[in-house]
Amino acid sequence: MKIVYNFVVFLAATTLPLIALFSKKIKFFVAGRRETFTKIAVLKNQKTIWFHAASLGEFEQARPIIEELKHHYKKHKILVTFFSPSGYEVRKNYPLADVVCYLPLDARNNARKFIKEVNPDLAVFIKYEFWPNLLKELKKKEIKTILVSGILRKEHLFFKSYGAFMRKSLTAFDHFFVQDSTSKTLLKSIGFKNVTVAGDTRFDRVSEILKQDNFLDFIQEFKDNRYTTVAGSTWKEDEAFFIHYINSQATAAEKFIIAPHNIKSDGIADLRAQIDTKTILYSEFKQAQFVGDLKSYQVFIIDTIGLLTKIYAAADVAYVGGALKTGLHNILEPATFGIPVVIGHTFDKFKEAVDLVKIGGCISVKNQDEFTESFLHLREDIHFRNQTGVINKRYIEAHLGATKLVMNYIRTVVN
């Protein structure tokens, strides 16, 4: 298995530059990695704590710990690495990190060089990123390594009869902080007892959102005290449901704010063209010559990034995209504001979604009829809407504290 794994990594290293000629995402993936060793050179001989996140969602799980570390470990540098361009491109200028870069491909030479250059006091892997060659080097150098907000499933290679190579890589971890008892049981089944069920650090992160100023004057102006639905991180399949609902069911008393995941101009133009009611783009509103009245528009399309969390604060109901096809986005951000959340039907790999659908704070829909029925119910039944939101708020409050557990451990291993 080790030979096969290393061959696959080698194959990726040789073929991805060719694929990058035809794929913008892979181009970022390849070009960004060329800068990794130059960027981390500034960390040599520095006291460093390294966080690795696959993408943006995992970064949000790392974020509350990074914030605590920056407060209590001021002499340490913070390194954040990403595997995916979608994470790196959004957070490459994260101010609390001293270096943000791509993780090099997990080739043996890369792993040796990376760990030698960084030589971190602590390595923190988020959720389920396991790279055997890097983990081998961390263990060889006796570098403290932990998994945070981990979640494991019986389908993972570690728990297969042929997964010995991957199981061995887990011995690099000094401690596992996992989200649920299932993960702890699975790790125990293969001999790991250094496990704490700590939960998900994202709950601590989204709870902090309530303490910041979330007021956006232009959103309040657009809303005009009317019933408002915010659709966040939507894809075309999500937007198709909204287009049909807005064009056939929406009343003049309703407002809609749509923040697509893809904000390319052609996609935004296509979305707008299909909506029959008066619609404005954020980019139009921000133009110096804009003299219109935001209150007169029924749909506001947010064709920029970085505003969605604050926009959720103004919502009466939220829809979070991705669960119809591509992968569910963050439902905890709207849930923390105590509002109902509607999602698609593919969410079984997202524990918080499974939990909230089960207890009634989150509504799952699989087709247009279910979407329309759910939004009509939420619009017309204020008691149901309020109770659904309360379920979400209480769920968030009941799951706080993972960051504190992790930090208590870090204090025992990092000076």
Foldseek 3Di string as FASTA:
>chain_A
DVVVVLVVLVVCLVCLVVVVVPDVFSVCQNVQLVCVVVQLLVQAPAAEEEEEDAAQVQVLLCVVLLVVCCVVPVRYAYEYEYNGPRHCVVCQPPPSHPGYGHQHRLHLVSLQSVCNSNVYQEYEYEADDFRQNNLVNLVVSVRAYEYAQYDDDCPDLLNDPPSPSRVVSVVSHPAYAYADVVRCVSNVVVPDDRYDNLHTSSLVSLLCLVVDDLDDPLLCQLLVPAAEEEEEQADPVVLVLVLVCQQPPDDPRYAYEYEHVDLPPVVVVVSVVSHDFFEDEPVQVPDPPDDDRSNRGRYYYYSDDDNVLSSLLVHQEYEFYDQQDRATDDPLSNLLSLWAYEYEDRHVVPVVQVVLCVVQLYHYYHDSVSVNVVVVCCVPPVVSGNVSSNSSNVVSVVNDDSSVVVVVVVVVSGD
